C-alpha atoms as a PDB file:
ATOM      1  CA  MET A   1      -1.389   5.254 -28.092  1.00  0.00           C
ATOM      2  CA  LEU A   2      -3.237   1.868 -29.726  1.00  0.00           C
ATOM      3  CA  ALA A   3      -6.562  -0.281 -28.991  1.00  0.00           C
ATOM      4  CA  SER A   4      -4.038  -2.720 -28.716  1.00  0.00           C
ATOM      5  CA  HIS A   5      -2.045  -1.603 -25.692  1.00  0.00           C
ATOM      6  CA  ILE A   6      -5.233  -0.632 -24.127  1.00  0.00           C
ATOM      7  CA  PHE A   7      -6.424  -4.509 -24.847  1.00  0.00           C
ATOM      8  CA  ASN A   8      -3.313  -5.917 -23.315  1.00  0.00           C
ATOM      9  CA  GLY A   9      -2.935  -3.748 -20.651  1.00  0.00           C
ATOM     10  CA  TYR A  10      -6.596  -5.108 -19.026  1.00  0.00           C
ATOM     11  CA  ILE A  11      -4.903  -8.730 -19.617  1.00  0.00           C
ATOM     12  CA  GLY A  12      -2.158  -8.010 -18.081  1.00  0.00           C
ATOM     13  CA  SER A  13      -3.503  -6.039 -15.150  1.00  0.00           C
ATOM     14  CA  HIS A  14      -5.827  -9.326 -14.306  1.00  0.00           C
ATOM     15  CA  LEU A  15      -2.656 -11.489 -14.503  1.00  0.00           C
ATOM     16  CA  CYS A  16      -0.475  -8.914 -12.357  1.00  0.00           C
ATOM     17  CA  TYR A  17      -3.337  -9.018  -9.557  1.00  0.00           C
ATOM     18  CA  HIS A  18      -3.208 -13.382  -9.896  1.00  0.00           C
ATOM     19  CA  LEU A  19       1.051 -13.190  -9.172  1.00  0.00           C
ATOM     20  CA  SER A  20       0.195 -11.001  -6.062  1.00  0.00           C
ATOM     21  CA  ARG A  21      -3.300 -13.001  -5.123  1.00  0.00           C
ATOM     22  CA  GLU A  22      -1.423 -16.394  -5.349  1.00  0.00           C
ATOM     23  CA  GLY A  23       1.931 -15.456  -3.953  1.00  0.00           C
ATOM     24  CA  ILE A  24       4.204 -16.454  -6.838  1.00  0.00           C
ATOM     25  CA  LEU A  25       5.324 -12.579  -6.205  1.00  0.00           C
ATOM     26  CA  ASP A  26       5.934 -13.501  -2.566  1.00  0.00           C
ATOM     27  CA  LEU A  27       8.714 -16.787  -3.883  1.00  0.00           C
ATOM     28  CA  PHE A  28      10.455 -13.776  -5.297  1.00  0.00           C
ATOM     29  CA  LYS A  29      10.912 -11.559  -2.636  1.00  0.00           C
ATOM     30  CA  ASP A  30      14.422 -10.158  -1.874  1.00  0.00           C
ATOM     31  CA  LYS A  31      15.952 -11.506  -4.739  1.00  0.00           C
ATOM     32  CA  ASP A  32      15.321 -11.838  -9.178  1.00  0.00           C
ATOM     33  CA  THR A  33      15.477 -15.462  -9.395  1.00  0.00           C
ATOM     34  CA  LEU A  34      13.369 -18.199  -8.300  1.00  0.00           C
ATOM     35  CA  ASN A  35      14.333 -21.908  -8.658  1.00  0.00           C
ATOM     36  CA  LYS A  36      11.679 -24.296 -10.364  1.00  0.00           C
ATOM     37  CA  SER A  37      12.456 -26.891  -7.755  1.00  0.00           C
ATOM     38  CA  GLU A  38      10.992 -23.742  -5.318  1.00  0.00           C
ATOM     39  CA  ILE A  39       7.200 -23.827  -6.706  1.00  0.00           C
ATOM     40  CA  ASN A  40       6.983 -27.533  -5.293  1.00  0.00           C
ATOM     41  CA  ASP A  41       8.428 -26.633  -2.089  1.00  0.00           C
ATOM     42  CA  ALA A  42       5.931 -23.785  -1.491  1.00  0.00           C
ATOM     43  CA  ASN A  43       3.513 -26.182  -0.625  1.00  0.00           C
ATOM     44  CA  PHE A  44       1.010 -25.015  -2.715  1.00  0.00           C
ATOM     45  CA  SER A  45      -2.153 -27.654  -2.943  1.00  0.00           C
ATOM     46  CA  GLY A  46      -3.360 -29.522  -6.248  1.00  0.00           C
ATOM     47  CA  THR A  47      -5.131 -27.749  -7.937  1.00  0.00           C
ATOM     48  CA  ARG A  48      -3.546 -24.614  -6.693  1.00  0.00           C
ATOM     49  CA  LEU A  49      -0.287 -25.733  -7.749  1.00  0.00           C
ATOM     50  CA  GLU A  50      -2.124 -26.384 -11.234  1.00  0.00           C
ATOM     51  CA  ASN A  51      -2.957 -23.072 -11.533  1.00  0.00           C
ATOM     52  CA  VAL A  52       0.558 -21.265  -9.732  1.00  0.00           C
ATOM     53  CA  ARG A  53       2.094 -23.048 -13.237  1.00  0.00           C
ATOM     54  CA  LEU A  54      -0.261 -21.767 -15.487  1.00  0.00           C
ATOM     55  CA  ILE A  55      -0.021 -18.085 -14.390  1.00  0.00           C
ATOM     56  CA  ILE A  56       3.390 -18.499 -14.579  1.00  0.00           C
ATOM     57  CA  ASP A  57       3.912 -19.905 -18.352  1.00  0.00           C
ATOM     58  CA  TYR A  58       1.707 -16.653 -19.081  1.00  0.00           C
ATOM     59  CA  ALA A  59       4.085 -14.581 -17.413  1.00  0.00           C
ATOM     60  CA  VAL A  60       7.050 -16.154 -19.323  1.00  0.00           C
ATOM     61  CA  LYS A  61       4.763 -15.648 -22.802  1.00  0.00           C
ATOM     62  CA  PHE A  62       4.167 -11.152 -21.181  1.00  0.00           C
ATOM     63  CA  GLY A  63       7.782 -11.087 -20.739  1.00  0.00           C
ATOM     64  CA  MET A  64       7.555 -10.827 -17.165  1.00  0.00           C
ATOM     65  CA  PHE A  65       9.942 -13.489 -16.230  1.00  0.00           C
ATOM     66  CA  HIS A  66      12.932 -15.378 -18.428  1.00  0.00           C
ATOM     67  CA  GLU A  67      12.732 -19.075 -18.255  1.00  0.00           C
ATOM     68  CA  ASP A  68      15.642 -21.748 -18.693  1.00  0.00           C
ATOM     69  CA  ASP A  69      15.544 -25.327 -18.078  1.00  0.00           C
ATOM     70  CA  GLU A  70      16.307 -24.573 -13.812  1.00  0.00           C
ATOM     71  CA  GLN A  71      14.959 -21.194 -12.717  1.00  0.00           C
ATOM     72  CA  TYR A  72      12.593 -18.212 -13.422  1.00  0.00           C
ATOM     73  CA  ARG A  73      14.597 -14.774 -13.481  1.00  0.00           C
ATOM     74  CA  LEU A  74      12.209 -11.599 -13.199  1.00  0.00           C
ATOM     75  CA  THR A  75      13.005  -9.092 -15.954  1.00  0.00           C
ATOM     76  CA  GLU A  76      12.538  -5.512 -16.216  1.00  0.00           C
ATOM     77  CA  LEU A  77       9.237  -5.696 -16.666  1.00  0.00           C
ATOM     78  CA  GLY A  78       8.763  -8.018 -13.819  1.00  0.00           C
ATOM     79  CA  SER A  79      10.479  -5.919 -11.722  1.00  0.00           C
ATOM     80  CA  ASP A  80       8.651  -2.883 -12.465  1.00  0.00           C
ATOM     81  CA  ILE A  81       5.649  -5.051 -11.887  1.00  0.00           C
ATOM     82  CA  GLU A  82       6.375  -6.287  -8.581  1.00  0.00           C
ATOM     83  CA  LYS A  83       7.596  -2.748  -7.226  1.00  0.00           C
ATOM     84  CA  ASN A  84       3.941  -1.440  -8.248  1.00  0.00           C
ATOM     85  CA  ILE A  85       2.235  -4.671  -7.538  1.00  0.00           C
ATOM     86  CA  GLY A  86      -0.390  -2.805  -5.248  1.00  0.00           C
ATOM     87  CA  PHE A  87      -1.889  -0.916  -7.651  1.00  0.00           C
ATOM     88  CA  PHE A  88      -3.050  -4.104  -9.684  1.00  0.00           C
ATOM     89  CA  THR A  89      -4.292  -5.076  -6.013  1.00  0.00           C
ATOM     90  CA  TRP A  90      -6.288  -2.356  -5.553  1.00  0.00           C
ATOM     91  CA  ALA A  91      -7.303  -2.041  -9.303  1.00  0.00           C
ATOM     92  CA  VAL A  92      -8.338  -5.123 -10.335  1.00  0.00           C
ATOM     93  CA  GLY A  93      -8.582  -7.109  -6.880  1.00  0.00           C
ATOM     94  CA  GLY A  94     -10.655  -3.711  -5.264  1.00  0.00           C
ATOM     95  CA  TYR A  95     -12.149  -2.495  -8.050  1.00  0.00           C
ATOM     96  CA  GLY A  96     -12.491  -4.839 -10.555  1.00  0.00           C
ATOM     97  CA  ASN A  97     -16.309  -5.871 -10.341  1.00  0.00           C
ATOM     98  CA  PHE A  98     -17.476  -2.659  -9.929  1.00  0.00           C
ATOM     99  CA  LEU A  99     -15.185  -1.284 -12.940  1.00  0.00           C
ATOM    100  CA  ARG A 100     -17.077  -3.983 -14.947  1.00  0.00           C
ATOM    101  CA  ASN A 101     -20.574  -3.602 -13.843  1.00  0.00           C
ATOM    102  CA  PHE A 102     -21.130   0.277 -12.414  1.00  0.00           C
ATOM    103  CA  THR A 103     -24.059   0.892 -14.679  1.00  0.00           C
ATOM    104  CA  ASP A 104     -26.308  -2.056 -13.452  1.00  0.00           C
ATOM    105  CA  ILE A 105     -26.014  -0.528  -9.703  1.00  0.00           C
ATOM    106  CA  SER A 106     -30.021   0.324  -9.193  1.00  0.00           C
ATOM    107  CA  LYS A 107     -33.033  -0.135  -7.025  1.00  0.00           C
ATOM    108  CA  GLU A 108     -34.584  -2.387  -8.942  1.00  0.00           C
ATOM    109  CA  LYS A 109     -31.597  -4.909  -9.410  1.00  0.00           C
ATOM    110  CA  GLU A 110     -30.374  -4.555  -5.488  1.00  0.00           C
ATOM    111  CA  MET A 111     -26.873  -3.805  -6.973  1.00  0.00           C
ATOM    112  CA  THR A 112     -25.272  -1.250  -4.779  1.00  0.00           C
ATOM    113  CA  MET A 113     -21.809   0.487  -5.058  1.00  0.00           C
ATOM    114  CA  SER A 114     -20.596  -0.982  -2.098  1.00  0.00           C
ATOM    115  CA  SER A 115     -21.691  -4.635  -3.077  1.00  0.00           C
ATOM    116  CA  MET A 116     -19.426  -4.330  -6.170  1.00  0.00           C
ATOM    117  CA  ILE A 117     -16.295  -3.053  -4.319  1.00  0.00           C
ATOM    118  CA  ASP A 118     -14.013  -5.605  -2.554  1.00  0.00           C
ATOM    119  CA  GLY A 119     -13.008  -3.060   0.342  1.00  0.00           C
ATOM    120  CA  ALA A 120     -10.148  -5.714   1.788  1.00  0.00           C
ATOM    121  CA  ASN A 121      -8.267  -5.890  -1.701  1.00  0.00           C
ATOM    122  CA  VAL A 122      -8.626  -2.115  -1.829  1.00  0.00           C
ATOM    123  CA  ALA A 123      -7.038  -2.206   1.434  1.00  0.00           C
ATOM    124  CA  LEU A 124      -4.789  -4.644   0.805  1.00  0.00           C
ATOM    125  CA  GLY A 125      -3.716  -2.741  -2.507  1.00  0.00           C
ATOM    126  CA  SER A 126      -3.285   0.475  -0.132  1.00  0.00           C
ATOM    127  CA  ARG A 127      -0.965  -1.476   2.242  1.00  0.00           C
ATOM    128  CA  GLN A 128       1.326  -2.705  -0.147  1.00  0.00           C
ATOM    129  CA  ALA A 129       1.630   0.491  -2.430  1.00  0.00           C
ATOM    130  CA  ASN A 130       2.060   2.544   1.183  1.00  0.00           C
ATOM    131  CA  LYS A 131       4.870  -0.102   2.047  1.00  0.00           C
ATOM    132  CA  GLN A 132       6.780  -0.046  -1.401  1.00  0.00           C
ATOM    133  CA  PHE A 133       6.446   3.624  -1.691  1.00  0.00           C
ATOM    134  CA  MET A 134       5.833   5.887   1.716  1.00  0.00           C
ATOM    135  CA  TRP A 135       5.591   3.938   4.810  1.00  0.00           C
ATOM    136  CA  ASP A 136       9.308   5.146   5.535  1.00  0.00           C
ATOM    137  CA  ILE A 137       8.192   8.807   5.090  1.00  0.00           C
ATOM    138  CA  ILE A 138       5.415   7.905   7.116  1.00  0.00           C
ATOM    139  CA  ILE A 139       7.565   6.086  10.023  1.00  0.00           C
ATOM    140  CA  GLU A 140       9.937   9.129   9.955  1.00  0.00           C
ATOM    141  CA  GLU A 141       7.028  11.552  10.828  1.00  0.00           C
ATOM    142  CA  LEU A 142       5.923   9.128  14.280  1.00  0.00           C
ATOM    143  CA  SER A 143       9.513   8.627  15.253  1.00  0.00           C
ATOM    144  CA  SER A 144       9.629  12.879  15.736  1.00  0.00           C
ATOM    145  CA  LEU A 145       6.643  12.473  17.646  1.00  0.00           C
ATOM    146  CA  GLN A 146       5.576  11.187  21.220  1.00  0.00           C
ATOM    147  CA  THR A 147       2.860   9.139  20.366  1.00  0.00           C
ATOM    148  CA  ARG A 148       1.446   6.949  23.029  1.00  0.00           C
ATOM    149  CA  SER A 149      -2.314   6.249  21.124  1.00  0.00           C
ATOM    150  CA  PHE A 150      -3.069   6.901  17.577  1.00  0.00           C
ATOM    151  CA  ALA A 151      -6.548   6.608  15.214  1.00  0.00           C
ATOM    152  CA  ASP A 152      -6.556   4.943  11.969  1.00  0.00           C
ATOM    153  CA  LEU A 153      -9.247   6.608   9.938  1.00  0.00           C
ATOM    154  CA  GLY A 154     -10.309   4.006   7.162  1.00  0.00           C
ATOM    155  CA  CYS A 155      -7.361   1.107   8.948  1.00  0.00           C
ATOM    156  CA  GLY A 156      -8.311  -1.254   6.263  1.00  0.00           C
ATOM    157  CA  ALA A 157      -6.983  -4.681   7.478  1.00  0.00           C
ATOM    158  CA  ALA A 158      -4.411  -3.155   9.840  1.00  0.00           C
ATOM    159  CA  GLY A 159      -1.676  -3.546   7.944  1.00  0.00           C
ATOM    160  CA  ALA A 160      -0.540   0.154   9.352  1.00  0.00           C
ATOM    161  CA  LEU A 161      -1.511  -0.172  13.037  1.00  0.00           C
ATOM    162  CA  ILE A 162       0.139  -3.706  12.848  1.00  0.00           C
ATOM    163  CA  ASP A 163       3.465  -2.671  11.887  1.00  0.00           C
ATOM    164  CA  ILE A 164       3.170   0.788  13.939  1.00  0.00           C
ATOM    165  CA  CYS A 165       2.640  -1.182  17.046  1.00  0.00           C
ATOM    166  CA  ARG A 166       5.551  -3.420  16.120  1.00  0.00           C
ATOM    167  CA  LYS A 167       7.422  -0.507  15.376  1.00  0.00           C
ATOM    168  CA  PHE A 168       6.850   1.617  18.432  1.00  0.00           C
ATOM    169  CA  ASP A 169       6.664   0.012  22.166  1.00  0.00           C
ATOM    170  CA  GLY A 170       4.005   0.316  24.707  1.00  0.00           C
ATOM    171  CA  VAL A 171       2.066   2.393  21.561  1.00  0.00           C
ATOM    172  CA  THR A 172      -1.801   1.973  20.768  1.00  0.00           C
ATOM    173  CA  GLY A 173      -4.138   1.929  18.077  1.00  0.00           C
ATOM    174  CA  THR A 174      -7.069   2.162  17.157  1.00  0.00           C
ATOM    175  CA  GLY A 175      -9.003   1.374  13.586  1.00  0.00           C
ATOM    176  CA  ILE A 176     -12.243   2.345  12.439  1.00  0.00           C
ATOM    177  CA  ASP A 177     -13.570   1.838   8.385  1.00  0.00           C
ATOM    178  CA  ILE A 178     -16.404   1.233   7.497  1.00  0.00           C
ATOM    179  CA  SER A 179     -15.794  -1.633   5.200  1.00  0.00           C
ATOM    180  CA  THR A 180     -17.461  -4.852   7.264  1.00  0.00           C
ATOM    181  CA  LYS A 181     -14.951  -7.081   4.903  1.00  0.00           C
ATOM    182  CA  ALA A 182     -11.934  -4.979   5.746  1.00  0.00           C
ATOM    183  CA  ILE A 183     -12.424  -5.089   9.592  1.00  0.00           C
ATOM    184  CA  ASP A 184     -12.996  -8.806   9.560  1.00  0.00           C
ATOM    185  CA  SER A 185      -9.597  -9.017   7.427  1.00  0.00           C
ATOM    186  CA  ALA A 186      -8.063  -6.639  10.209  1.00  0.00           C
ATOM    187  CA  ARG A 187      -9.509  -8.855  13.165  1.00  0.00           C
ATOM    188  CA  ILE A 188      -7.810 -11.706  11.994  1.00  0.00           C
ATOM    189  CA  ASN A 189      -4.229 -10.185  11.141  1.00  0.00           C
ATOM    190  CA  ILE A 190      -4.366  -8.393  14.774  1.00  0.00           C
ATOM    191  CA  GLU A 191      -4.686 -11.969  16.496  1.00  0.00           C
ATOM    192  CA  LYS A 192      -2.116 -13.494  13.897  1.00  0.00           C
ATOM    193  CA  ASN A 193       0.343 -10.989  15.120  1.00  0.00           C
ATOM    194  CA  ASN A 194      -0.743 -11.380  18.904  1.00  0.00           C
ATOM    195  CA  LEU A 195      -1.427  -7.711  19.494  1.00  0.00           C
ATOM    196  CA  LYS A 196      -5.168  -7.926  20.528  1.00  0.00           C
ATOM    197  CA  GLY A 197      -4.166  -6.379  23.851  1.00  0.00           C
ATOM    198  CA  ARG A 198      -2.817  -3.143  21.436  1.00  0.00           C
ATOM    199  CA  ILE A 199      -5.069  -2.352  18.737  1.00  0.00           C
ATOM    200  CA  GLU A 200      -8.982  -2.438  18.211  1.00  0.00           C
ATOM    201  CA  VAL A 201     -11.090  -2.040  15.326  1.00  0.00           C
ATOM    202  CA  VAL A 202     -14.383  -0.789  14.936  1.00  0.00           C
ATOM    203  CA  ASN A 203     -16.596  -1.493  11.932  1.00  0.00           C
ATOM    204  CA  GLN A 204     -18.117   2.083  11.769  1.00  0.00           C
ATOM    205  CA  ASN A 205     -18.757   5.324   9.862  1.00  0.00           C
ATOM    206  CA  VAL A 206     -15.708   7.710  11.754  1.00  0.00           C
ATOM    207  CA  LEU A 207     -18.619  10.750  11.421  1.00  0.00           C
ATOM    208  CA  ASP A 208     -20.958   8.779  13.886  1.00  0.00           C
ATOM    209  CA  ALA A 209     -18.218   7.681  16.249  1.00  0.00           C
ATOM    210  CA  ILE A 210     -19.025  10.395  18.322  1.00  0.00           C
ATOM    211  CA  ASP A 211     -22.750   9.084  19.154  1.00  0.00           C
ATOM    212  CA  SER A 212     -20.970   6.678  21.349  1.00  0.00           C
ATOM    213  CA  PRO A 213     -19.964   6.643  24.403  1.00  0.00           C
ATOM    214  CA  TYR A 214     -17.187   4.079  24.442  1.00  0.00           C
ATOM    215  CA  LEU A 215     -15.689   5.623  21.407  1.00  0.00           C
ATOM    216  CA  ILE A 216     -16.354   8.932  22.858  1.00  0.00           C
ATOM    217  CA  ASP A 217     -14.051   7.632  25.458  1.00  0.00           C
ATOM    218  CA  LYS A 218     -11.473   5.857  23.647  1.00  0.00           C
ATOM    219  CA  PHE A 219     -11.084   8.460  21.376  1.00  0.00           C
ATOM    220  CA  SER A 220     -10.347  10.688  24.177  1.00  0.00           C
ATOM    221  CA  ARG A 221      -7.344   9.419  24.780  1.00  0.00           C
ATOM    222  CA  VAL A 222      -5.959   9.341  21.533  1.00  0.00           C
ATOM    223  CA  ASP A 223      -2.900  11.936  20.645  1.00  0.00           C
ATOM    224  CA  THR A 224      -2.474  11.355  16.827  1.00  0.00           C
ATOM    225  CA  VAL A 225      -5.241  10.916  14.251  1.00  0.00           C
ATOM    226  CA  LEU A 226      -3.820   8.646  10.844  1.00  0.00           C
ATOM    227  CA  SER A 227      -5.655   9.400   7.336  1.00  0.00           C
ATOM    228  CA  PHE A 228      -4.110   7.465   4.447  1.00  0.00           C
ATOM    229  CA  MET A 229      -6.050   8.117   1.081  1.00  0.00           C
ATOM    230  CA  MET A 230      -9.950   8.708   2.449  1.00  0.00           C
ATOM    231  CA  MET A 231      -9.956  12.056   3.523  1.00  0.00           C
ATOM    232  CA  HIS A 232     -11.433  12.829  -0.297  1.00  0.00           C
ATOM    233  CA  ASP A 233     -14.105  10.251   0.673  1.00  0.00           C
ATOM    234  CA  LEU A 234     -15.017  12.380   3.881  1.00  0.00           C
ATOM    235  CA  PHE A 235     -14.899  15.558   2.303  1.00  0.00           C
ATOM    236  CA  ASN A 236     -17.892  14.319  -0.298  1.00  0.00           C
ATOM    237  CA  ILE A 237     -20.064  13.708   2.550  1.00  0.00           C
ATOM    238  CA  LYS A 238     -20.400  17.742   3.760  1.00  0.00           C
ATOM    239  CA  ASP A 239     -18.262  20.800   3.511  1.00  0.00           C
ATOM    240  CA  PRO A 240     -14.823  19.417   4.287  1.00  0.00           C
ATOM    241  CA  VAL A 241     -13.915  22.354   6.524  1.00  0.00           C
ATOM    242  CA  GLU A 242     -16.828  21.111   8.711  1.00  0.00           C
ATOM    243  CA  ILE A 243     -15.413  17.691   8.563  1.00  0.00           C
ATOM    244  CA  LEU A 244     -12.063  18.646   9.917  1.00  0.00           C
ATOM    245  CA  LYS A 245     -14.243  20.147  12.941  1.00  0.00           C
ATOM    246  CA  LYS A 246     -15.986  17.239  13.475  1.00  0.00           C
ATOM    247  CA  LEU A 247     -12.768  15.198  13.396  1.00  0.00           C
ATOM    248  CA  GLN A 248     -11.329  17.351  15.653  1.00  0.00           C
ATOM    249  CA  SER A 249     -14.122  17.156  18.355  1.00  0.00           C
ATOM    250  CA  THR A 250     -14.118  13.030  17.650  1.00  0.00           C
ATOM    251  CA  PHE A 251     -10.842  12.999  18.755  1.00  0.00           C
ATOM    252  CA  PRO A 252     -10.654  16.229  21.235  1.00  0.00           C
ATOM    253  CA  ASN A 253      -6.838  15.988  22.750  1.00  0.00           C
ATOM    254  CA  ALA A 254      -5.569  14.679  19.499  1.00  0.00           C
ATOM    255  CA  LYS A 255      -2.783  17.355  18.837  1.00  0.00           C
ATOM    256  CA  THR A 256      -1.032  16.043  15.780  1.00  0.00           C
ATOM    257  CA  PHE A 257      -3.021  14.755  12.372  1.00  0.00           C
ATOM    258  CA  ILE A 258      -1.340  13.087   9.591  1.00  0.00           C
ATOM    259  CA  ILE A 259      -3.018  12.990   6.707  1.00  0.00           C
ATOM    260  CA  ALA A 260      -2.084  11.002   2.957  1.00  0.00           C
ATOM    261  CA  ASP A 261      -4.166  11.616  -0.184  1.00  0.00           C
ATOM    262  CA  THR A 262      -4.068  11.774  -3.555  1.00  0.00           C
ATOM    263  CA  PHE A 263      -5.087  15.255  -5.729  1.00  0.00           C
ATOM    264  CA  LEU A 264      -6.407  16.283  -8.994  1.00  0.00           C
ATOM    265  CA  SER A 265      -3.651  15.532 -11.864  1.00  0.00           C
ATOM    266  CA  GLU A 266      -3.095  18.066 -14.492  1.00  0.00           C
ATOM    267  CA  GLU A 267      -3.242  15.238 -17.334  1.00  0.00           C
ATOM    268  CA  LYS A 268      -5.606  16.466 -20.230  1.00  0.00           C
ATOM    269  CA  SER A 269      -5.716  12.988 -21.703  1.00  0.00           C
ATOM    270  CA  LEU A 270      -4.229   9.686 -21.651  1.00  0.00           C
ATOM    271  CA  LYS A 271      -0.799   8.985 -23.191  1.00  0.00           C
ATOM    272  CA  ILE A 272       1.962   6.336 -23.280  1.00  0.00           C
ATOM    273  CA  ASP A 273       3.870   7.892 -20.550  1.00  0.00           C
ATOM    274  CA  THR A 274       0.923   8.770 -18.428  1.00  0.00           C
ATOM    275  CA  PRO A 275       2.214   7.746 -14.880  1.00  0.00           C
ATOM    276  CA  ILE A 276       0.954   4.705 -13.436  1.00  0.00           C
ATOM    277  CA  PHE A 277      -2.071   5.009 -11.234  1.00  0.00           C
ATOM    278  CA  THR A 278      -3.681   8.158 -12.170  1.00  0.00           C
ATOM    279  CA  TYR A 279      -6.181   7.392 -14.724  1.00  0.00           C
ATOM    280  CA  GLY A 280      -7.491   4.360 -12.200  1.00  0.00           C
ATOM    281  CA  PHE A 281      -7.891   6.591  -8.797  1.00  0.00           C
ATOM    282  CA  GLU A 282      -9.473   9.402 -11.467  1.00  0.00           C
ATOM    283  CA  TYR A 283     -11.768   6.691 -13.490  1.00  0.00           C
ATOM    284  CA  VAL A 284     -13.447   5.076 -10.104  1.00  0.00           C
ATOM    285  CA  HIS A 285     -13.812   8.073  -8.530  1.00  0.00           C
ATOM    286  CA  HIS A 286     -15.636   9.836 -11.535  1.00  0.00           C
ATOM    287  CA  PHE A 287     -18.181   6.804 -11.397  1.00  0.00           C
ATOM    288  CA  MET A 288     -18.578   6.829  -8.112  1.00  0.00           C
ATOM    289  CA  LYS A 289     -19.711  10.620  -8.344  1.00  0.00           C
ATOM    290  CA  ILE A 290     -17.130  11.187  -5.874  1.00  0.00           C
ATOM    291  CA  LYS A 291     -15.001  14.691  -6.127  1.00  0.00           C
ATOM    292  CA  ILE A 292     -11.477  14.362  -6.450  1.00  0.00           C
ATOM    293  CA  PHE A 293      -9.382  18.365  -5.011  1.00  0.00           C
ATOM    294  CA  HIS A 294      -6.346  19.809  -6.029  1.00  0.00           C
ATOM    295  CA  LYS A 295      -3.536  19.405  -3.350  1.00  0.00           C
ATOM    296  CA  GLU A 296      -4.020  23.630  -2.990  1.00  0.00           C
ATOM    297  CA  GLN A 297      -7.824  23.009  -2.236  1.00  0.00           C
ATOM    298  CA  TYR A 298      -6.494  20.644   1.157  1.00  0.00           C
ATOM    299  CA  LEU A 299      -4.156  23.785   2.479  1.00  0.00           C
ATOM    300  CA  ARG A 300      -6.879  26.262   2.608  1.00  0.00           C
ATOM    301  CA  PHE A 301      -9.361  23.333   4.107  1.00  0.00           C
ATOM    302  CA  PHE A 302      -6.577  22.756   6.884  1.00  0.00           C
ATOM    303  CA  SER A 303      -6.017  26.606   7.607  1.00  0.00           C
ATOM    304  CA  ALA A 304      -9.807  27.301   7.613  1.00  0.00           C
ATOM    305  CA  ALA A 305      -9.962  24.462  10.117  1.00  0.00           C
ATOM    306  CA  GLY A 306      -7.689  25.734  12.356  1.00  0.00           C
ATOM    307  CA  PHE A 307      -4.616  23.296  11.929  1.00  0.00           C
ATOM    308  CA  SER A 308      -1.278  24.939  11.044  1.00  0.00           C
ATOM    309  CA  VAL A 309       0.455  22.595   8.352  1.00  0.00           C
ATOM    310  CA  GLU A 310       4.011  22.013   9.679  1.00  0.00           C
ATOM    311  CA  ARG A 311       4.964  19.994   6.900  1.00  0.00           C
ATOM    312  CA  VAL A 312       3.961  19.119   3.063  1.00  0.00           C
ATOM    313  CA  THR A 313       5.702  16.168   1.802  1.00  0.00           C
ATOM    314  CA  TYR A 314       6.031  13.844  -1.314  1.00  0.00           C
ATOM    315  CA  LEU A 315       4.795  10.541  -1.272  1.00  0.00           C
ATOM    316  CA  ASN A 316       6.358   9.448  -4.457  1.00  0.00           C
ATOM    317  CA  VAL A 317       3.050   8.051  -5.994  1.00  0.00           C
ATOM    318  CA  PRO A 318       1.879  10.244  -8.657  1.00  0.00           C
ATOM    319  CA  ASN A 319      -0.077  13.458  -6.866  1.00  0.00           C
ATOM    320  CA  THR A 320       0.033  12.022  -4.044  1.00  0.00           C
ATOM    321  CA  TYR A 321       1.344  13.930  -0.746  1.00  0.00           C
ATOM    322  CA  LEU A 322       1.636  13.436   3.301  1.00  0.00           C
ATOM    323  CA  PHE A 323       0.416  16.732   5.368  1.00  0.00           C
ATOM    324  CA  VAL A 324       1.715  16.911   9.086  1.00  0.00           C
ATOM    325  CA  LEU A 325      -0.718  18.963  11.216  1.00  0.00           C
ATOM    326  CA  HIS A 326      -0.978  20.614  14.273  1.00  0.00           C
ATOM    327  CA  ARG A 327      -3.612  21.318  16.901  1.00  0.00           C
ATOM    328  CA  ASP A 328      -2.582  24.487  19.075  1.00  0.00           C
ATOM    329  CA  PHE A 329      -4.846  23.745  22.530  1.00  0.00           C
ATOM    330  CA  ALA A 330      -3.577  27.112  23.414  1.00  0.00           C
END
């Protein structure tokens, strides 16, 4: 590993982010080649079209695309980036400002951690990665349940809520997220998908939801609780077993909890073959002073809270697993 690898990776990560943000990778959807005429047909505005061309030029220079007179073709590197694009959205778009400026956080400068994190991009990147690597597994789990009403903790921009309600007729969903920006995006996405009658989102900390009479009534109807990549945040607020019991009281009739999260790796030092996401996830949480746990610790927390663990499934992302938990009311 050389300094040049670190530097070029930093530049390349930002290039990847813009390939996604400007919709360039979307033009390659389900195909490896893109005719140059399709860029004009995509109706990019004048300034945006100029930026798109500049980004593509440098993607060619970086070896992500191969160019000939008529078309661009995804290289092996380009295809791998397309597959893993969610991690770049998450890191550069979601946490980029925080990674550059976290040492400026202070009351005197009126800089806060939340002001440096783009919750909408964190949610989008997570959703992109979820769909690429783990969503089929999650849908298979939901298909085996008779879910009628579910809650999504840390729902982000409502991607999971929308996909589940479109997949399963008659199912209703409630999302809750502490990020105002993510909830604003969620409401727009729900309306675009004509699901306002079946999905509702709430801008609130889930641990405070028990104090709202409206939410108490709504959450009493939930039979399945989903949590994707946020349980570690909750476990840093209070004792993890207390948190799990609080969630049980918040959703008193939920029999099934489906929890996905990423755990502390066994990596001791960065190597050329260190898996994607591992160091990004641990780096961000290290400087946010959020403790990351080992998988075995989660299993102990679940047992102590009274859950039975029905299944544990690897989710095709380094150190990331899905737990299907059952709660027996008998």
